[in-house]
PDB file of all heavy atoms in Angstrom:
ATOM      1  N   ASP A   1      50.864-188.894  -2.745  1.00  0.00           N
ATOM      2  CA  ASP A   1      51.466-188.526  -1.457  1.00  0.00           C
ATOM      3  C   ASP A   1      52.927-188.951  -1.364  1.00  0.00           C
ATOM      4  O   ASP A   1      53.726-188.314  -0.677  1.00  0.00           O
ATOM      5  CB  ASP A   1      50.672-189.148  -0.308  1.00  0.00           C
ATOM      6  CG  ASP A   1      49.295-188.531  -0.142  1.00  0.00           C
ATOM      7  OD1 ASP A   1      49.105-187.394  -0.621  1.00  0.00           O
ATOM      8  OD2 ASP A   1      48.418-189.180   0.445  1.00  0.00           O
ATOM      9  N   VAL A   2      53.276-190.028  -2.051  1.00  0.00           N
ATOM     10  CA  VAL A   2      54.666-190.504  -2.036  1.00  0.00           C
ATOM     11  C   VAL A   2      55.546-189.640  -2.940  1.00  0.00           C
ATOM     12  O   VAL A   2      56.687-189.324  -2.595  1.00  0.00           O
ATOM     13  CB  VAL A   2      54.737-191.986  -2.477  1.00  0.00           C
ATOM     14  CG1 VAL A   2      56.169-192.416  -2.773  1.00  0.00           C
ATOM     15  CG2 VAL A   2      54.137-192.880  -1.385  1.00  0.00           C
ATOM     16  N   LEU A   3      55.034-189.254  -4.100  1.00  0.00           N
ATOM     17  CA  LEU A   3      55.842-188.524  -5.079  1.00  0.00           C
ATOM     18  C   LEU A   3      55.960-187.027  -4.793  1.00  0.00           C
ATOM     19  O   LEU A   3      56.999-186.420  -5.069  1.00  0.00           O
ATOM     20  CB  LEU A   3      55.278-188.730  -6.488  1.00  0.00           C
ATOM     21  CG  LEU A   3      55.456-190.130  -7.079  1.00  0.00           C
ATOM     22  CD1 LEU A   3      54.797-190.211  -8.450  1.00  0.00           C
ATOM     23  CD2 LEU A   3      56.924-190.496  -7.173  1.00  0.00           C
ATOM     24  N   THR A   4      54.935-186.436  -4.231  1.00  0.00           N
ATOM     25  CA  THR A   4      54.950-184.980  -4.011  1.00  0.00           C
ATOM     26  C   THR A   4      56.138-184.501  -3.170  1.00  0.00           C
ATOM     27  O   THR A   4      56.806-183.533  -3.548  1.00  0.00           O
ATOM     28  CB  THR A   4      53.628-184.521  -3.367  1.00  0.00           C
ATOM     29  OG1 THR A   4      52.537-184.836  -4.254  1.00  0.00           O
ATOM     30  CG2 THR A   4      53.637-183.018  -3.124  1.00  0.00           C
ATOM     31  N   PRO A   5      56.468-185.171  -2.053  1.00  0.00           N
ATOM     32  CA  PRO A   5      57.588-184.688  -1.241  1.00  0.00           C
ATOM     33  C   PRO A   5      58.960-184.838  -1.903  1.00  0.00           C
ATOM     34  O   PRO A   5      59.933-184.224  -1.450  1.00  0.00           O
ATOM     35  CB  PRO A   5      57.515-185.560   0.028  1.00  0.00           C
ATOM     36  CG  PRO A   5      56.151-186.132   0.043  1.00  0.00           C
ATOM     37  CD  PRO A   5      55.776-186.294  -1.393  1.00  0.00           C
ATOM     38  N   VAL A   6      59.053-185.665  -2.956  1.00  0.00           N
ATOM     39  CA  VAL A   6      60.374-185.913  -3.572  1.00  0.00           C
ATOM     40  C   VAL A   6      60.480-185.284  -4.964  1.00  0.00           C
ATOM     41  O   VAL A   6      61.392-185.613  -5.724  1.00  0.00           O
ATOM     42  CB  VAL A   6      60.678-187.425  -3.638  1.00  0.00           C
ATOM     43  CG1 VAL A   6      60.782-188.009  -2.246  1.00  0.00           C
ATOM     44  CG2 VAL A   6      59.632-188.174  -4.461  1.00  0.00           C
ATOM     45  N   LYS A   7      59.584-184.357  -5.283  1.00  0.00           N
ATOM     46  CA  LYS A   7      59.606-183.731  -6.607  1.00  0.00           C
ATOM     47  C   LYS A   7      60.954-183.082  -6.914  1.00  0.00           C
ATOM     48  O   LYS A   7      61.489-183.219  -8.018  1.00  0.00           O
ATOM     49  CB  LYS A   7      58.498-182.676  -6.708  1.00  0.00           C
ATOM     50  CG  LYS A   7      57.124-183.215  -7.037  1.00  0.00           C
ATOM     51  CD  LYS A   7      56.157-182.061  -7.242  1.00  0.00           C
ATOM     52  CE  LYS A   7      54.789-182.548  -7.651  1.00  0.00           C
ATOM     53  NZ  LYS A   7      53.845-181.429  -7.896  1.00  0.00           N
ATOM     54  N   GLU A   8      61.511-182.367  -5.927  1.00  0.00           N
ATOM     55  CA  GLU A   8      62.771-181.673  -6.166  1.00  0.00           C
ATOM     56  C   GLU A   8      63.908-182.659  -6.406  1.00  0.00           C
ATOM     57  O   GLU A   8      64.765-182.435  -7.267  1.00  0.00           O
ATOM     58  CB  GLU A   8      63.096-180.744  -4.989  1.00  0.00           C
ATOM     59  CG  GLU A   8      62.148-179.560  -4.869  1.00  0.00           C
ATOM     60  CD  GLU A   8      62.552-178.614  -3.751  1.00  0.00           C
ATOM     61  OE1 GLU A   8      63.619-178.830  -3.138  1.00  0.00           O
ATOM     62  OE2 GLU A   8      61.785-177.670  -3.484  1.00  0.00           O
ATOM     63  N   LEU A   9      63.928-183.750  -5.645  1.00  0.00           N
ATOM     64  CA  LEU A   9      64.961-184.763  -5.836  1.00  0.00           C
ATOM     65  C   LEU A   9      64.814-185.442  -7.197  1.00  0.00           C
ATOM     66  O   LEU A   9      65.812-185.726  -7.873  1.00  0.00           O
ATOM     67  CB  LEU A   9      64.882-185.810  -4.724  1.00  0.00           C
ATOM     68  CG  LEU A   9      65.320-185.350  -3.335  1.00  0.00           C
ATOM     69  CD1 LEU A   9      64.987-186.422  -2.295  1.00  0.00           C
ATOM     70  CD2 LEU A   9      66.810-185.030  -3.315  1.00  0.00           C
ATOM     71  N   LEU A  10      63.579-185.690  -7.604  1.00  0.00           N
ATOM     72  CA  LEU A  10      63.349-186.284  -8.916  1.00  0.00           C
ATOM     73  C   LEU A  10      63.807-185.353 -10.029  1.00  0.00           C
ATOM     74  O   LEU A  10      64.420-185.790 -11.014  1.00  0.00           O
ATOM     75  CB  LEU A  10      61.857-186.618  -9.088  1.00  0.00           C
ATOM     76  CG  LEU A  10      61.320-187.787  -8.266  1.00  0.00           C
ATOM     77  CD1 LEU A  10      59.797-187.848  -8.358  1.00  0.00           C
ATOM     78  CD2 LEU A  10      61.923-189.104  -8.729  1.00  0.00           C
ATOM     79  N   ALA A  11      63.529-184.068  -9.863  1.00  0.00           N
ATOM     80  CA  ALA A  11      63.942-183.081 -10.867  1.00  0.00           C
ATOM     81  C   ALA A  11      65.464-182.985 -10.945  1.00  0.00           C
ATOM     82  O   ALA A  11      66.032-182.778 -12.025  1.00  0.00           O
ATOM     83  CB  ALA A  11      63.341-181.720 -10.528  1.00  0.00           C
ATOM     84  N   GLU A  12      66.119-183.152  -9.810  1.00  0.00           N
ATOM     85  CA  GLU A  12      67.576-183.033  -9.790  1.00  0.00           C
ATOM     86  C   GLU A  12      68.271-184.265 -10.362  1.00  0.00           C
ATOM     87  O   GLU A  12      69.189-184.149 -11.181  1.00  0.00           O
ATOM     88  CB  GLU A  12      68.055-182.814  -8.352  1.00  0.00           C
ATOM     89  CG  GLU A  12      69.564-182.672  -8.224  1.00  0.00           C
ATOM     90  CD  GLU A  12      70.017-182.414  -6.790  1.00  0.00           C
ATOM     91  OE1 GLU A  12      69.137-182.258  -5.910  1.00  0.00           O
ATOM     92  OE2 GLU A  12      71.240-182.371  -6.556  1.00  0.00           O
ATOM     93  N   TYR A  13      67.810-185.459  -9.978  1.00  0.00           N
ATOM     94  CA  TYR A  13      68.530-186.691 -10.357  1.00  0.00           C
ATOM     95  C   TYR A  13      67.945-187.394 -11.575  1.00  0.00           C
ATOM     96  O   TYR A  13      68.626-188.211 -12.204  1.00  0.00           O
ATOM     97  CB  TYR A  13      68.572-187.644  -9.160  1.00  0.00           C
ATOM     98  CG  TYR A  13      69.388-187.102  -8.015  1.00  0.00           C
ATOM     99  CD1 TYR A  13      68.771-186.600  -6.869  1.00  0.00           C
ATOM    100  CD2 TYR A  13      70.783-187.063  -8.082  1.00  0.00           C
ATOM    101  CE1 TYR A  13      69.519-186.093  -5.815  1.00  0.00           C
ATOM    102  CE2 TYR A  13      71.536-186.554  -7.038  1.00  0.00           C
ATOM    103  CZ  TYR A  13      70.901-186.071  -5.902  1.00  0.00           C
ATOM    104  OH  TYR A  13      71.643-185.549  -4.863  1.00  0.00           O
ATOM    105  N   LYS A  14      66.689-187.113 -11.908  1.00  0.00           N
ATOM    106  CA  LYS A  14      66.027-187.614 -13.113  1.00  0.00           C
ATOM    107  C   LYS A  14      66.198-189.132 -13.323  1.00  0.00           C
ATOM    108  O   LYS A  14      66.699-189.586 -14.359  1.00  0.00           O
ATOM    109  CB  LYS A  14      66.546-186.869 -14.351  1.00  0.00           C
ATOM    110  CG  LYS A  14      66.341-185.360 -14.283  1.00  0.00           C
ATOM    111  CD  LYS A  14      66.726-184.688 -15.563  1.00  0.00           C
ATOM    112  CE  LYS A  14      66.623-183.160 -15.446  1.00  0.00           C
ATOM    113  NZ  LYS A  14      65.305-182.691 -15.001  1.00  0.00           N
ATOM    114  N   PRO A  15      65.770-189.936 -12.368  1.00  0.00           N
ATOM    115  CA  PRO A  15      65.884-191.395 -12.545  1.00  0.00           C
ATOM    116  C   PRO A  15      64.811-191.930 -13.490  1.00  0.00           C
ATOM    117  O   PRO A  15      63.799-191.274 -13.767  1.00  0.00           O
ATOM    118  CB  PRO A  15      65.648-191.920 -11.132  1.00  0.00           C
ATOM    119  CG  PRO A  15      64.702-190.920 -10.528  1.00  0.00           C
ATOM    120  CD  PRO A  15      65.137-189.590 -11.081  1.00  0.00           C
ATOM    121  N   LEU A  16      65.054-193.131 -13.978  1.00  0.00           N
ATOM    122  CA  LEU A  16      64.014-193.890 -14.655  1.00  0.00           C
ATOM    123  C   LEU A  16      63.018-194.340 -13.596  1.00  0.00           C
ATOM    124  O   LEU A  16      63.407-194.911 -12.573  1.00  0.00           O
ATOM    125  CB  LEU A  16      64.629-195.107 -15.353  1.00  0.00           C
ATOM    126  CG  LEU A  16      63.673-196.206 -15.833  1.00  0.00           C
ATOM    127  CD1 LEU A  16      62.756-195.684 -16.931  1.00  0.00           C
ATOM    128  CD2 LEU A  16      64.462-197.421 -16.322  1.00  0.00           C
ATOM    129  N   LEU A  17      61.740-194.068 -13.808  1.00  0.00           N
ATOM    130  CA  LEU A  17      60.699-194.480 -12.870  1.00  0.00           C
ATOM    131  C   LEU A  17      59.971-195.700 -13.422  1.00  0.00           C
ATOM    132  O   LEU A  17      59.617-195.731 -14.608  1.00  0.00           O
ATOM    133  CB  LEU A  17      59.696-193.348 -12.631  1.00  0.00           C
ATOM    134  CG  LEU A  17      60.254-192.057 -12.032  1.00  0.00           C
ATOM    135  CD1 LEU A  17      59.139-191.028 -11.878  1.00  0.00           C
ATOM    136  CD2 LEU A  17      60.925-192.322 -10.687  1.00  0.00           C
ATOM    137  N   ILE A  18      59.756-196.697 -12.572  1.00  0.00           N
ATOM    138  CA  ILE A  18      59.000-197.890 -12.955  1.00  0.00           C
ATOM    139  C   ILE A  18      57.803-197.988 -12.026  1.00  0.00           C
ATOM    140  O   ILE A  18      57.945-198.227 -10.825  1.00  0.00           O
ATOM    141  CB  ILE A  18      59.852-199.173 -12.875  1.00  0.00           C
ATOM    142  CG1 ILE A  18      61.119-199.047 -13.728  1.00  0.00           C
ATOM    143  CG2 ILE A  18      59.033-200.364 -13.349  1.00  0.00           C
ATOM    144  CD1 ILE A  18      62.383-198.914 -12.946  1.00  0.00           C
ATOM    145  N   THR A  19      56.618-197.766 -12.561  1.00  0.00           N
ATOM    146  CA  THR A  19      55.407-197.784 -11.750  1.00  0.00           C
ATOM    147  C   THR A  19      54.658-199.094 -11.929  1.00  0.00           C
ATOM    148  O   THR A  19      54.578-199.627 -13.037  1.00  0.00           O
ATOM    149  CB  THR A  19      54.476-196.612 -12.098  1.00  0.00           C
ATOM    150  OG1 THR A  19      53.222-196.778 -11.411  1.00  0.00           O
ATOM    151  CG2 THR A  19      54.190-196.531 -13.592  1.00  0.00           C
ATOM    152  N   MET A  20      54.120-199.605 -10.834  1.00  0.00           N
ATOM    153  CA  MET A  20      53.324-200.836 -10.891  1.00  0.00           C
ATOM    154  C   MET A  20      51.945-200.621 -10.276  1.00  0.00           C
ATOM    155  O   MET A  20      51.276-201.577  -9.879  1.00  0.00           O
ATOM    156  CB  MET A  20      54.063-201.972 -10.182  1.00  0.00           C
ATOM    157  CG  MET A  20      54.367-201.730  -8.730  1.00  0.00           C
ATOM    158  SD  MET A  20      55.392-203.047  -8.001  1.00  0.00           S
ATOM    159  CE  MET A  20      56.999-202.587  -8.632  1.00  0.00           C
ATOM    160  N   ALA A  21      51.523-199.361 -10.182  1.00  0.00           N
ATOM    161  CA  ALA A  21      50.240-199.035  -9.560  1.00  0.00           C
ATOM    162  C   ALA A  21      49.097-199.313 -10.522  1.00  0.00           C
ATOM    163  O   ALA A  21      49.036-198.729 -11.609  1.00  0.00           O
ATOM    164  CB  ALA A  21      50.227-197.572  -9.133  1.00  0.00           C
ATOM    165  N   ALA A  22      48.199-200.184 -10.137  1.00  0.00           N
ATOM    166  CA  ALA A  22      47.062-200.547 -10.982  1.00  0.00           C
ATOM    167  C   ALA A  22      46.218-199.317 -11.306  1.00  0.00           C
ATOM    168  O   ALA A  22      45.918-198.508 -10.431  1.00  0.00           O
ATOM    169  CB  ALA A  22      46.209-201.600 -10.285  1.00  0.00           C
ATOM    170  N   GLY A  23      45.860-199.180 -12.565  1.00  0.00           N
ATOM    171  CA  GLY A  23      44.946-198.127 -12.988  1.00  0.00           C
ATOM    172  C   GLY A  23      45.576-196.788 -13.299  1.00  0.00           C
ATOM    173  O   GLY A  23      44.957-195.960 -13.982  1.00  0.00           O
ATOM    174  N   LEU A  24      46.797-196.520 -12.817  1.00  0.00           N
ATOM    175  CA  LEU A  24      47.419-195.211 -13.024  1.00  0.00           C
ATOM    176  C   LEU A  24      48.216-195.182 -14.320  1.00  0.00           C
ATOM    177  O   LEU A  24      49.230-195.875 -14.448  1.00  0.00           O
ATOM    178  CB  LEU A  24      48.340-194.846 -11.853  1.00  0.00           C
ATOM    179  CG  LEU A  24      47.688-194.538 -10.513  1.00  0.00           C
ATOM    180  CD1 LEU A  24      48.740-194.033  -9.531  1.00  0.00           C
ATOM    181  CD2 LEU A  24      46.568-193.521 -10.651  1.00  0.00           C
ATOM    182  N   GLU A  25      47.773-194.368 -15.263  1.00  0.00           N
ATOM    183  CA  GLU A  25      48.475-194.252 -16.535  1.00  0.00           C
ATOM    184  C   GLU A  25      49.766-193.462 -16.365  1.00  0.00           C
ATOM    185  O   GLU A  25      49.946-192.728 -15.382  1.00  0.00           O
ATOM    186  CB  GLU A  25      47.576-193.569 -17.570  1.00  0.00           C
ATOM    187  CG  GLU A  25      46.348-194.387 -17.927  1.00  0.00           C
ATOM    188  CD  GLU A  25      45.495-193.712 -18.990  1.00  0.00           C
ATOM    189  OE1 GLU A  25      45.824-192.570 -19.393  1.00  0.00           O
ATOM    190  OE2 GLU A  25      44.505-194.319 -19.425  1.00  0.00           O
ATOM    191  N   ILE A  26      50.644-193.597 -17.339  1.00  0.00           N
ATOM    192  CA  ILE A  26      51.926-192.896 -17.301  1.00  0.00           C
ATOM    193  C   ILE A  26      51.720-191.390 -17.175  1.00  0.00           C
ATOM    194  O   ILE A  26      52.438-190.715 -16.428  1.00  0.00           O
ATOM    195  CB  ILE A  26      52.762-193.243 -18.551  1.00  0.00           C
ATOM    196  CG1 ILE A  26      53.258-194.690 -18.465  1.00  0.00           C
ATOM    197  CG2 ILE A  26      53.944-192.282 -18.707  1.00  0.00           C
ATOM    198  CD1 ILE A  26      53.981-195.183 -19.706  1.00  0.00           C
ATOM    199  N   LYS A  27      50.746-190.852 -17.869  1.00  0.00           N
ATOM    200  CA  LYS A  27      50.520-189.402 -17.822  1.00  0.00           C
ATOM    201  C   LYS A  27      50.155-188.941 -16.411  1.00  0.00           C
ATOM    202  O   LYS A  27      50.443-187.805 -16.017  1.00  0.00           O
ATOM    203  CB  LYS A  27      49.437-188.984 -18.818  1.00  0.00           C
ATOM    204  CG  LYS A  27      48.055-189.531 -18.539  1.00  0.00           C
ATOM    205  CD  LYS A  27      47.055-189.083 -19.610  1.00  0.00           C
ATOM    206  CE  LYS A  27      45.657-189.627 -19.329  1.00  0.00           C
ATOM    207  NZ  LYS A  27      44.690-189.224 -20.389  1.00  0.00           N
ATOM    208  N   LYS A  28      49.549-189.839 -15.625  1.00  0.00           N
ATOM    209  CA  LYS A  28      49.199-189.501 -14.242  1.00  0.00           C
ATOM    210  C   LYS A  28      50.460-189.428 -13.389  1.00  0.00           C
ATOM    211  O   LYS A  28      50.601-188.542 -12.539  1.00  0.00           O
ATOM    212  CB  LYS A  28      48.249-190.561 -13.683  1.00  0.00           C
ATOM    213  CG  LYS A  28      47.419-190.092 -12.504  1.00  0.00           C
ATOM    214  CD  LYS A  28      46.331-189.117 -12.955  1.00  0.00           C
ATOM    215  CE  LYS A  28      45.388-188.787 -11.826  1.00  0.00           C
ATOM    216  NZ  LYS A  28      44.345-187.831 -12.233  1.00  0.00           N
ATOM    217  N   ILE A  29      51.397-190.343 -13.614  1.00  0.00           N
ATOM    218  CA  ILE A  29      52.671-190.315 -12.894  1.00  0.00           C
ATOM    219  C   ILE A  29      53.431-189.035 -13.241  1.00  0.00           C
ATOM    220  O   ILE A  29      53.975-188.364 -12.356  1.00  0.00           O
ATOM    221  CB  ILE A  29      53.529-191.549 -13.242  1.00  0.00           C
ATOM    222  CG1 ILE A  29      52.772-192.848 -12.905  1.00  0.00           C
ATOM    223  CG2 ILE A  29      54.869-191.501 -12.523  1.00  0.00           C
ATOM    224  CD1 ILE A  29      52.423-193.010 -11.451  1.00  0.00           C
ATOM    225  N   GLU A  30      53.443-188.673 -14.520  1.00  0.00           N
ATOM    226  CA  GLU A  30      54.098-187.437 -14.963  1.00  0.00           C
ATOM    227  C   GLU A  30      53.464-186.217 -14.301  1.00  0.00           C
ATOM    228  O   GLU A  30      54.158-185.278 -13.903  1.00  0.00           O
ATOM    229  CB  GLU A  30      54.014-187.320 -16.486  1.00  0.00           C
ATOM    230  CG  GLU A  30      54.800-188.389 -17.226  1.00  0.00           C
ATOM    231  CD  GLU A  30      54.525-188.403 -18.724  1.00  0.00           C
ATOM    232  OE1 GLU A  30      53.501-187.803 -19.141  1.00  0.00           O
ATOM    233  OE2 GLU A  30      55.303-189.015 -19.464  1.00  0.00           O
ATOM    234  N   GLU A  31      52.154-186.267 -14.157  1.00  0.00           N
ATOM    235  CA  GLU A  31      51.433-185.168 -13.507  1.00  0.00           C
ATOM    236  C   GLU A  31      51.840-185.042 -12.036  1.00  0.00           C
ATOM    237  O   GLU A  31      52.079-183.940 -11.535  1.00  0.00           O
ATOM    238  CB  GLU A  31      49.929-185.415 -13.620  1.00  0.00           C
ATOM    239  CG  GLU A  31      49.056-184.379 -12.958  1.00  0.00           C
ATOM    240  CD  GLU A  31      47.588-184.764 -13.016  1.00  0.00           C
ATOM    241  OE1 GLU A  31      47.147-185.282 -14.064  1.00  0.00           O
ATOM    242  OE2 GLU A  31      46.887-184.565 -12.000  1.00  0.00           O
ATOM    243  N   PHE A  32      51.932-186.169 -11.338  1.00  0.00           N
ATOM    244  CA  PHE A  32      52.332-186.150  -9.928  1.00  0.00           C
ATOM    245  C   PHE A  32      53.770-185.662  -9.753  1.00  0.00           C
ATOM    246  O   PHE A  32      54.088-184.956  -8.800  1.00  0.00           O
ATOM    247  CB  PHE A  32      52.208-187.547  -9.314  1.00  0.00           C
ATOM    248  CG  PHE A  32      50.799-188.061  -9.191  1.00  0.00           C
ATOM    249  CD1 PHE A  32      50.550-189.430  -9.106  1.00  0.00           C
ATOM    250  CD2 PHE A  32      49.715-187.197  -9.145  1.00  0.00           C
ATOM    251  CE1 PHE A  32      49.255-189.912  -8.981  1.00  0.00           C
ATOM    252  CE2 PHE A  32      48.413-187.672  -9.028  1.00  0.00           C
ATOM    253  CZ  PHE A  32      48.186-189.031  -8.954  1.00  0.00           C
ATOM    254  N   VAL A  33      54.643-186.046 -10.693  1.00  0.00           N
ATOM    255  CA  VAL A  33      56.053-185.655 -10.621  1.00  0.00           C
ATOM    256  C   VAL A  33      56.240-184.189 -10.966  1.00  0.00           C
ATOM    257  O   VAL A  33      57.105-183.509 -10.417  1.00  0.00           O
ATOM    258  CB  VAL A  33      56.905-186.552 -11.551  1.00  0.00           C
ATOM    259  CG1 VAL A  33      58.324-186.039 -11.657  1.00  0.00           C
ATOM    260  CG2 VAL A  33      56.907-187.989 -11.045  1.00  0.00           C
ATOM    261  N   GLY A  34      55.423-183.692 -11.890  1.00  0.00           N
ATOM    262  CA  GLY A  34      55.496-182.283 -12.255  1.00  0.00           C
ATOM    263  C   GLY A  34      56.369-181.987 -13.448  1.00  0.00           C
ATOM    264  O   GLY A  34      56.470-180.837 -13.875  1.00  0.00           O
ATOM    265  N   GLU A  35      57.034-183.005 -13.999  1.00  0.00           N
ATOM    266  CA  GLU A  35      57.826-182.819 -15.206  1.00  0.00           C
ATOM    267  C   GLU A  35      57.999-184.158 -15.901  1.00  0.00           C
ATOM    268  O   GLU A  35      57.688-185.212 -15.352  1.00  0.00           O
ATOM    269  CB  GLU A  35      59.183-182.214 -14.893  1.00  0.00           C
ATOM    270  CG  GLU A  35      60.102-183.084 -14.054  1.00  0.00           C
ATOM    271  CD  GLU A  35      61.482-182.456 -13.930  1.00  0.00           C
ATOM    272  OE1 GLU A  35      62.303-182.678 -14.835  1.00  0.00           O
ATOM    273  OE2 GLU A  35      61.705-181.737 -12.943  1.00  0.00           O
ATOM    274  N   LYS A  36      58.510-184.108 -17.126  1.00  0.00           N
ATOM    275  CA  LYS A  36      58.675-185.323 -17.903  1.00  0.00           C
ATOM    276  C   LYS A  36      59.947-186.051 -17.480  1.00  0.00           C
ATOM    277  O   LYS A  36      61.039-185.492 -17.512  1.00  0.00           O
ATOM    278  CB  LYS A  36      58.740-184.990 -19.397  1.00  0.00           C
ATOM    279  CG  LYS A  36      57.458-184.421 -19.964  1.00  0.00           C
ATOM    280  CD  LYS A  36      56.454-185.502 -20.296  1.00  0.00           C
ATOM    281  CE  LYS A  36      56.784-186.182 -21.588  1.00  0.00           C
ATOM    282  NZ  LYS A  36      55.727-187.125 -22.021  1.00  0.00           N
ATOM    283  N   LEU A  37      59.778-187.293 -17.071  1.00  0.00           N
ATOM    284  CA  LEU A  37      60.886-188.191 -16.764  1.00  0.00           C
ATOM    285  C   LEU A  37      60.643-189.501 -17.508  1.00  0.00           C
ATOM    286  O   LEU A  37      59.503-189.809 -17.880  1.00  0.00           O
ATOM    287  CB  LEU A  37      60.956-188.461 -15.260  1.00  0.00           C
ATOM    288  CG  LEU A  37      61.360-187.310 -14.330  1.00  0.00           C
ATOM    289  CD1 LEU A  37      61.288-187.784 -12.883  1.00  0.00           C
ATOM    290  CD2 LEU A  37      62.744-186.802 -14.657  1.00  0.00           C
ATOM    291  N   PRO A  38      61.696-190.293 -17.740  1.00  0.00           N
ATOM    292  CA  PRO A  38      61.466-191.601 -18.346  1.00  0.00           C
ATOM    293  C   PRO A  38      60.645-192.483 -17.410  1.00  0.00           C
ATOM    294  O   PRO A  38      60.968-192.606 -16.220  1.00  0.00           O
ATOM    295  CB  PRO A  38      62.879-192.155 -18.564  1.00  0.00           C
ATOM    296  CG  PRO A  38      63.758-191.380 -17.650  1.00  0.00           C
ATOM    297  CD  PRO A  38      63.132-190.035 -17.494  1.00  0.00           C
TER     298      PRO A  38
END
């Protein structure tokens, strides 16, 4: 819910993302973002 509304901004600025969510693998974060980011 946090990442979905900012997908376009993430695609435009392509920041390094640092996730600390227990249990969520990197591939899950990539899935929520919709594209490959660091």
